[in-house]
Amino acid sequence: MDRRQALNVLAGAGLATLTRGQSRDTRESNGMIYRKLGSTGDRVSAMGLGGAHLAKPSGEEAVHIVRSGLDRGITFLDN
């Protein structure tokens, strides 16, 4: 198997995984999509809120951004 074939196989496996995972997505009344997190069974929002950019605004505005995300159903935060 050459490099191109290996990449095609990996891409196909990735697409199959994504397609399979999408059937387990659930949409709540707030419009947010939630997915199962690994084998934990916990559900997290499909959309996350990154934290690196929160150092730029004032502290009050950063708190407002996070609370706004939480109010809209975001349960996955990263930094």
PDB file of N, CA and C in Angstrom:
ATOM      1  N   MET A   1       0.853  -1.176   0.000  1.00  0.00           N
ATOM      2  CA  MET A   1       0.000   0.000   0.000  1.00  0.00           C
ATOM      3  C   MET A   1       0.894   1.232   0.000  1.00  0.00           C
ATOM      4  N   ASP A   2       0.626   2.135  -0.931  1.00  0.00           N
ATOM      5  CA  ASP A   2       1.418   3.363  -0.964  1.00  0.00           C
ATOM      6  C   ASP A   2       0.776   4.427  -0.069  1.00  0.00           C
ATOM      7  N   ARG A   3       1.453   5.552   0.025  1.00  0.00           N
ATOM      8  CA  ARG A   3       1.012   6.633   0.925  1.00  0.00           C
ATOM      9  C   ARG A   3      -0.380   7.142   0.564  1.00  0.00           C
ATOM     10  N   ARG A   4      -0.646   7.317  -0.716  1.00  0.00           N
ATOM     11  CA  ARG A   4      -1.945   7.827  -1.165  1.00  0.00           C
ATOM     12  C   ARG A   4      -3.068   6.868  -0.769  1.00  0.00           C
ATOM     13  N   GLN A   5      -2.851   5.569  -0.958  1.00  0.00           N
ATOM     14  CA  GLN A   5      -3.872   4.587  -0.584  1.00  0.00           C
ATOM     15  C   GLN A   5      -4.108   4.605   0.925  1.00  0.00           C
ATOM     16  N   ALA A   6      -3.038   4.716   1.698  1.00  0.00           N
ATOM     17  CA  ALA A   6      -3.170   4.741   3.156  1.00  0.00           C
ATOM     18  C   ALA A   6      -3.969   5.961   3.602  1.00  0.00           C
ATOM     19  N   LEU A   7      -3.688   7.111   2.993  1.00  0.00           N
ATOM     20  CA  LEU A   7      -4.429   8.323   3.337  1.00  0.00           C
ATOM     21  C   LEU A   7      -5.900   8.199   2.963  1.00  0.00           C
ATOM     22  N   ASN A   8      -6.187   7.571   1.838  1.00  0.00           N
ATOM     23  CA  ASN A   8      -7.586   7.364   1.440  1.00  0.00           C
ATOM     24  C   ASN A   8      -8.310   6.444   2.412  1.00  0.00           C
ATOM     25  N   VAL A   9      -7.640   5.414   2.862  1.00  0.00           N
ATOM     26  CA  VAL A   9      -8.253   4.503   3.829  1.00  0.00           C
ATOM     27  C   VAL A   9      -8.522   5.231   5.136  1.00  0.00           C
ATOM     28  N   LEU A  10      -7.546   6.015   5.615  1.00  0.00           N
ATOM     29  CA  LEU A  10      -7.732   6.769   6.853  1.00  0.00           C
ATOM     30  C   LEU A  10      -8.848   7.800   6.719  1.00  0.00           C
ATOM     31  N   ALA A  11      -8.908   8.485   5.586  1.00  0.00           N
ATOM     32  CA  ALA A  11      -9.969   9.474   5.373  1.00  0.00           C
ATOM     33  C   ALA A  11     -11.331   8.796   5.350  1.00  0.00           C
ATOM     34  N   GLY A  12     -11.428   7.658   4.702  1.00  0.00           N
ATOM     35  CA  GLY A  12     -12.692   6.920   4.666  1.00  0.00           C
ATOM     36  C   GLY A  12     -13.116   6.457   6.046  1.00  0.00           C
ATOM     37  N   ALA A  13     -12.163   5.985   6.834  1.00  0.00           N
ATOM     38  CA  ALA A  13     -12.479   5.554   8.196  1.00  0.00           C
ATOM     39  C   ALA A  13     -12.941   6.731   9.040  1.00  0.00           C
ATOM     40  N   GLY A  14     -12.307   7.870   8.845  1.00  0.00           N
ATOM     41  CA  GLY A  14     -12.717   9.068   9.582  1.00  0.00           C
ATOM     42  C   GLY A  14     -14.121   9.503   9.219  1.00  0.00           C
ATOM     43  N   LEU A  15     -14.434   9.489   7.933  1.00  0.00           N
ATOM     44  CA  LEU A  15     -15.789   9.855   7.500  1.00  0.00           C
ATOM     45  C   LEU A  15     -16.826   8.872   8.022  1.00  0.00           C
ATOM     46  N   ALA A  16     -16.492   7.590   8.029  1.00  0.00           N
ATOM     47  CA  ALA A  16     -17.423   6.594   8.558  1.00  0.00           C
ATOM     48  C   ALA A  16     -17.676   6.820  10.036  1.00  0.00           C
ATOM     49  N   THR A  17     -16.637   7.170  10.761  1.00  0.00           N
ATOM     50  CA  THR A  17     -16.786   7.452  12.185  1.00  0.00           C
ATOM     51  C   THR A  17     -17.658   8.671  12.413  1.00  0.00           C
ATOM     52  N   LEU A  18     -17.421   9.725  11.642  1.00  0.00           N
ATOM     53  CA  LEU A  18     -18.236  10.938  11.770  1.00  0.00           C
ATOM     54  C   LEU A  18     -19.696  10.658  11.447  1.00  0.00           C
ATOM     55  N   THR A  19     -19.935   9.918  10.385  1.00  0.00           N
ATOM     56  CA  THR A  19     -21.308   9.614   9.988  1.00  0.00           C
ATOM     57  C   THR A  19     -22.008   8.790  11.056  1.00  0.00           C
ATOM     58  N   ARG A  20     -21.307   7.816  11.602  1.00  0.00           N
ATOM     59  CA  ARG A  20     -21.881   6.982  12.650  1.00  0.00           C
ATOM     60  C   ARG A  20     -22.168   7.807  13.900  1.00  0.00           C
ATOM     61  N   GLY A  21     -21.245   8.723  14.236  1.00  0.00           N
ATOM     62  CA  GLY A  21     -21.413   9.542  15.425  1.00  0.00           C
ATOM     63  C   GLY A  21     -22.559  10.532  15.308  1.00  0.00           C
ATOM     64  N   GLN A  22     -22.855  10.988  14.108  1.00  0.00           N
ATOM     65  CA  GLN A  22     -23.903  11.981  13.944  1.00  0.00           C
ATOM     66  C   GLN A  22     -25.280  11.415  14.231  1.00  0.00           C
ATOM     67  N   SER A  23     -25.467  10.130  14.069  1.00  0.00           N
ATOM     68  CA  SER A  23     -26.784   9.560  14.320  1.00  0.00           C
ATOM     69  C   SER A  23     -27.117   9.570  15.810  1.00  0.00           C
ATOM     70  N   ARG A  24     -26.111   9.724  16.667  1.00  0.00           N
ATOM     71  CA  ARG A  24     -26.346   9.759  18.107  1.00  0.00           C
ATOM     72  C   ARG A  24     -26.441  11.176  18.646  1.00  0.00           C
ATOM     73  N   ASP A  25     -26.311  12.166  17.776  1.00  0.00           N
ATOM     74  CA  ASP A  25     -26.438  13.550  18.210  1.00  0.00           C
ATOM     75  C   ASP A  25     -27.874  13.817  18.627  1.00  0.00           C
ATOM     76  N   THR A  26     -28.036  14.660  19.607  1.00  0.00           N
ATOM     77  CA  THR A  26     -29.370  15.067  20.014  1.00  0.00           C
ATOM     78  C   THR A  26     -29.443  16.581  20.025  1.00  0.00           C
ATOM     79  N   ARG A  27     -30.559  17.098  19.603  1.00  0.00           N
ATOM     80  CA  ARG A  27     -30.763  18.546  19.588  1.00  0.00           C
ATOM     81  C   ARG A  27     -31.785  18.879  20.662  1.00  0.00           C
ATOM     82  N   GLU A  28     -31.405  19.804  21.517  1.00  0.00           N
ATOM     83  CA  GLU A  28     -32.289  20.229  22.604  1.00  0.00           C
ATOM     84  C   GLU A  28     -33.194  21.362  22.132  1.00  0.00           C
ATOM     85  N   SER A  29     -34.157  21.709  22.944  1.00  0.00           N
ATOM     86  CA  SER A  29     -35.107  22.768  22.585  1.00  0.00           C
ATOM     87  C   SER A  29     -34.415  24.119  22.404  1.00  0.00           C
ATOM     88  N   ASN A  30     -33.230  24.292  23.019  1.00  0.00           N
ATOM     89  CA  ASN A  30     -32.510  25.556  22.846  1.00  0.00           C
ATOM     90  C   ASN A  30     -31.750  25.609  21.516  1.00  0.00           C
ATOM     91  N   GLY A  31     -31.808  24.528  20.728  1.00  0.00           N
ATOM     92  CA  GLY A  31     -31.152  24.488  19.428  1.00  0.00           C
ATOM     93  C   GLY A  31     -29.746  23.925  19.462  1.00  0.00           C
ATOM     94  N   MET A  32     -29.182  23.720  20.650  1.00  0.00           N
ATOM     95  CA  MET A  32     -27.817  23.205  20.761  1.00  0.00           C
ATOM     96  C   MET A  32     -27.799  21.704  20.493  1.00  0.00           C
ATOM     97  N   ILE A  33     -26.787  21.255  19.788  1.00  0.00           N
ATOM     98  CA  ILE A  33     -26.594  19.830  19.523  1.00  0.00           C
ATOM     99  C   ILE A  33     -25.635  19.283  20.572  1.00  0.00           C
ATOM    100  N   TYR A  34     -25.962  18.136  21.131  1.00  0.00           N
ATOM    101  CA  TYR A  34     -25.126  17.498  22.147  1.00  0.00           C
ATOM    102  C   TYR A  34     -24.670  16.138  21.653  1.00  0.00           C
ATOM    103  N   ARG A  35     -23.456  15.771  22.061  1.00  0.00           N
ATOM    104  CA  ARG A  35     -22.865  14.483  21.673  1.00  0.00           C
ATOM    105  C   ARG A  35     -22.342  13.773  22.905  1.00  0.00           C
ATOM    106  N   LYS A  36     -22.280  12.450  22.786  1.00  0.00           N
ATOM    107  CA  LYS A  36     -21.725  11.641  23.864  1.00  0.00           C
ATOM    108  C   LYS A  36     -20.208  11.828  23.894  1.00  0.00           C
ATOM    109  N   LEU A  37     -19.648  12.002  25.094  1.00  0.00           N
ATOM    110  CA  LEU A  37     -18.207  12.211  25.255  1.00  0.00           C
ATOM    111  C   LEU A  37     -17.530  10.875  25.516  1.00  0.00           C
ATOM    112  N   GLY A  38     -16.875  10.341  24.495  1.00  0.00           N
ATOM    113  CA  GLY A  38     -16.137   9.093  24.636  1.00  0.00           C
ATOM    114  C   GLY A  38     -16.958   7.982  25.238  1.00  0.00           C
ATOM    115  N   SER A  39     -16.365   7.235  26.130  1.00  0.00           N
ATOM    116  CA  SER A  39     -17.076   6.125  26.768  1.00  0.00           C
ATOM    117  C   SER A  39     -17.648   6.521  28.122  1.00  0.00           C
ATOM    118  N   THR A  40     -17.582   7.810  28.463  1.00  0.00           N
ATOM    119  CA  THR A  40     -18.074   8.265  29.764  1.00  0.00           C
ATOM    120  C   THR A  40     -19.597   8.296  29.820  1.00  0.00           C
ATOM    121  N   GLY A  41     -20.226   8.471  28.656  1.00  0.00           N
ATOM    122  CA  GLY A  41     -21.672   8.599  28.629  1.00  0.00           C
ATOM    123  C   GLY A  41     -22.138  10.025  28.874  1.00  0.00           C
ATOM    124  N   ASP A  42     -21.222  10.910  29.262  1.00  0.00           N
ATOM    125  CA  ASP A  42     -21.590  12.314  29.467  1.00  0.00           C
ATOM    126  C   ASP A  42     -21.904  12.949  28.123  1.00  0.00           C
ATOM    127  N   ARG A  43     -22.798  13.927  28.135  1.00  0.00           N
ATOM    128  CA  ARG A  43     -23.149  14.651  26.919  1.00  0.00           C
ATOM    129  C   ARG A  43     -22.557  16.051  26.987  1.00  0.00           C
ATOM    130  N   VAL A  44     -21.919  16.451  25.897  1.00  0.00           N
ATOM    131  CA  VAL A  44     -21.352  17.794  25.813  1.00  0.00           C
ATOM    132  C   VAL A  44     -21.857  18.456  24.544  1.00  0.00           C
ATOM    133  N   SER A  45     -21.859  19.776  24.545  1.00  0.00           N
ATOM    134  CA  SER A  45     -22.314  20.506  23.370  1.00  0.00           C
ATOM    135  C   SER A  45     -21.352  20.283  22.206  1.00  0.00           C
ATOM    136  N   ALA A  46     -21.916  20.216  21.005  1.00  0.00           N
ATOM    137  CA  ALA A  46     -21.097  20.037  19.806  1.00  0.00           C
ATOM    138  C   ALA A  46     -20.261  21.280  19.538  1.00  0.00           C
ATOM    139  N   MET A  47     -20.701  22.417  20.031  1.00  0.00           N
ATOM    140  CA  MET A  47     -19.956  23.660  19.883  1.00  0.00           C
ATOM    141  C   MET A  47     -19.277  23.967  21.213  1.00  0.00           C
ATOM    142  N   GLY A  48     -18.024  24.328  21.157  1.00  0.00           N
ATOM    143  CA  GLY A  48     -17.287  24.661  22.367  1.00  0.00           C
ATOM    144  C   GLY A  48     -16.925  26.132  22.409  1.00  0.00           C
ATOM    145  N   LEU A  49     -16.491  26.558  23.561  1.00  0.00           N
ATOM    146  CA  LEU A  49     -16.065  27.948  23.753  1.00  0.00           C
ATOM    147  C   LEU A  49     -14.609  27.916  24.168  1.00  0.00           C
ATOM    148  N   GLY A  50     -13.746  28.470  23.313  1.00  0.00           N
ATOM    149  CA  GLY A  50     -12.322  28.525  23.619  1.00  0.00           C
ATOM    150  C   GLY A  50     -12.035  29.615  24.634  1.00  0.00           C
ATOM    151  N   GLY A  51     -10.987  29.450  25.395  1.00  0.00           N
ATOM    152  CA  GLY A  51     -10.707  30.401  26.455  1.00  0.00           C
ATOM    153  C   GLY A  51      -9.498  31.283  26.222  1.00  0.00           C
ATOM    154  N   ALA A  52      -8.666  30.959  25.246  1.00  0.00           N
ATOM    155  CA  ALA A  52      -7.441  31.727  25.042  1.00  0.00           C
ATOM    156  C   ALA A  52      -7.732  33.192  24.723  1.00  0.00           C
ATOM    157  N   HIS A  53      -8.807  33.443  24.011  1.00  0.00           N
ATOM    158  CA  HIS A  53      -9.141  34.814  23.627  1.00  0.00           C
ATOM    159  C   HIS A  53      -9.766  35.626  24.760  1.00  0.00           C
ATOM    160  N   LEU A  54     -10.085  34.989  25.884  1.00  0.00           N
ATOM    161  CA  LEU A  54     -10.748  35.687  26.984  1.00  0.00           C
ATOM    162  C   LEU A  54      -9.790  36.580  27.780  1.00  0.00           C
ATOM    163  N   ALA A  55      -8.512  36.506  27.510  1.00  0.00           N
ATOM    164  CA  ALA A  55      -7.546  37.355  28.210  1.00  0.00           C
ATOM    165  C   ALA A  55      -7.520  38.771  27.636  1.00  0.00           C
ATOM    166  N   LYS A  56      -8.030  38.953  26.419  1.00  0.00           N
ATOM    167  CA  LYS A  56      -7.970  40.255  25.763  1.00  0.00           C
ATOM    168  C   LYS A  56      -9.028  41.244  26.264  1.00  0.00           C
ATOM    169  N   PRO A  57     -10.299  40.845  26.410  1.00  0.00           N
ATOM    170  CA  PRO A  57     -11.288  41.824  26.896  1.00  0.00           C
ATOM    171  C   PRO A  57     -11.147  42.042  28.402  1.00  0.00           C
ATOM    172  N   SER A  58     -11.912  42.993  28.904  1.00  0.00           N
ATOM    173  CA  SER A  58     -11.900  43.239  30.351  1.00  0.00           C
ATOM    174  C   SER A  58     -12.451  42.012  31.069  1.00  0.00           C
ATOM    175  N   GLY A  59     -12.184  41.925  32.355  1.00  0.00           N
ATOM    176  CA  GLY A  59     -12.675  40.799  33.143  1.00  0.00           C
ATOM    177  C   GLY A  59     -14.183  40.678  33.096  1.00  0.00           C
ATOM    178  N   GLU A  60     -14.861  41.816  33.161  1.00  0.00           N
ATOM    179  CA  GLU A  60     -16.325  41.803  33.113  1.00  0.00           C
ATOM    180  C   GLU A  60     -16.834  41.284  31.769  1.00  0.00           C
ATOM    181  N   GLU A  61     -16.181  41.703  30.691  1.00  0.00           N
ATOM    182  CA  GLU A  61     -16.618  41.251  29.375  1.00  0.00           C
ATOM    183  C   GLU A  61     -16.330  39.768  29.172  1.00  0.00           C
ATOM    184  N   ALA A  62     -15.199  39.290  29.700  1.00  0.00           N
ATOM    185  CA  ALA A  62     -14.878  37.863  29.605  1.00  0.00           C
ATOM    186  C   ALA A  62     -15.923  37.034  30.347  1.00  0.00           C
ATOM    187  N   VAL A  63     -16.321  37.481  31.524  1.00  0.00           N
ATOM    188  CA  VAL A  63     -17.364  36.781  32.290  1.00  0.00           C
ATOM    189  C   VAL A  63     -18.670  36.795  31.500  1.00  0.00           C
ATOM    190  N   HIS A  64     -18.984  37.924  30.867  1.00  0.00           N
ATOM    191  CA  HIS A  64     -20.206  38.031  30.066  1.00  0.00           C
ATOM    192  C   HIS A  64     -20.179  37.037  28.904  1.00  0.00           C
ATOM    193  N   ILE A  65     -19.034  36.893  28.237  1.00  0.00           N
ATOM    194  CA  ILE A  65     -18.909  35.965  27.107  1.00  0.00           C
ATOM    195  C   ILE A  65     -19.160  34.538  27.571  1.00  0.00           C
ATOM    196  N   VAL A  66     -18.537  34.131  28.663  1.00  0.00           N
ATOM    197  CA  VAL A  66     -18.704  32.765  29.165  1.00  0.00           C
ATOM    198  C   VAL A  66     -20.148  32.525  29.599  1.00  0.00           C
ATOM    199  N   ARG A  67     -20.721  33.442  30.348  1.00  0.00           N
ATOM    200  CA  ARG A  67     -22.106  33.273  30.801  1.00  0.00           C
ATOM    201  C   ARG A  67     -23.074  33.231  29.624  1.00  0.00           C
ATOM    202  N   SER A  68     -22.805  34.029  28.610  1.00  0.00           N
ATOM    203  CA  SER A  68     -23.650  34.029  27.420  1.00  0.00           C
ATOM    204  C   SER A  68     -23.606  32.660  26.732  1.00  0.00           C
ATOM    205  N   GLY A  69     -22.413  32.081  26.633  1.00  0.00           N
ATOM    206  CA  GLY A  69     -22.280  30.743  26.053  1.00  0.00           C
ATOM    207  C   GLY A  69     -23.015  29.697  26.875  1.00  0.00           C
ATOM    208  N   LEU A  70     -22.863  29.759  28.189  1.00  0.00           N
ATOM    209  CA  LEU A  70     -23.549  28.810  29.064  1.00  0.00           C
ATOM    210  C   LEU A  70     -25.064  28.948  28.945  1.00  0.00           C
ATOM    211  N   ASP A  71     -25.545  30.186  28.865  1.00  0.00           N
ATOM    212  CA  ASP A  71     -26.984  30.429  28.718  1.00  0.00           C
ATOM    213  C   ASP A  71     -27.523  29.858  27.422  1.00  0.00           C
ATOM    214  N   ARG A  72     -26.674  29.764  26.406  1.00  0.00           N
ATOM    215  CA  ARG A  72     -27.099  29.239  25.116  1.00  0.00           C
ATOM    216  C   ARG A  72     -26.892  27.727  24.995  1.00  0.00           C
ATOM    217  N   GLY A  73     -26.422  27.102  26.071  1.00  0.00           N
ATOM    218  CA  GLY A  73     -26.323  25.640  26.074  1.00  0.00           C
ATOM    219  C   GLY A  73     -24.947  25.069  25.875  1.00  0.00           C
ATOM    220  N   ILE A  74     -23.914  25.894  25.792  1.00  0.00           N
ATOM    221  CA  ILE A  74     -22.562  25.376  25.637  1.00  0.00           C
ATOM    222  C   ILE A  74     -22.116  24.741  26.950  1.00  0.00           C
ATOM    223  N   THR A  75     -21.656  23.502  26.849  1.00  0.00           N
ATOM    224  CA  THR A  75     -21.166  22.797  28.037  1.00  0.00           C
ATOM    225  C   THR A  75     -19.707  22.383  27.883  1.00  0.00           C
ATOM    226  N   PHE A  76     -19.114  22.669  26.724  1.00  0.00           N
ATOM    227  CA  PHE A  76     -17.715  22.322  26.483  1.00  0.00           C
ATOM    228  C   PHE A  76     -16.897  23.603  26.413  1.00  0.00           C
ATOM    229  N   LEU A  77     -16.025  23.797  27.378  1.00  0.00           N
ATOM    230  CA  LEU A  77     -15.135  24.955  27.392  1.00  0.00           C
ATOM    231  C   LEU A  77     -13.692  24.473  27.349  1.00  0.00           C
ATOM    232  N   ASP A  78     -12.876  25.169  26.594  1.00  0.00           N
ATOM    233  CA  ASP A  78     -11.472  24.791  26.424  1.00  0.00           C
ATOM    234  C   ASP A  78     -10.637  26.043  26.618  1.00  0.00           C
ATOM    235  N   ASN A  79      -9.355  25.837  26.973  1.00  0.00           N
ATOM    236  CA  ASN A  79      -8.507  27.017  27.121  1.00  0.00           C
ATOM    237  C   ASN A  79      -7.233  26.877  26.343  1.00  0.00           C
TER     238      ASN A  79
END
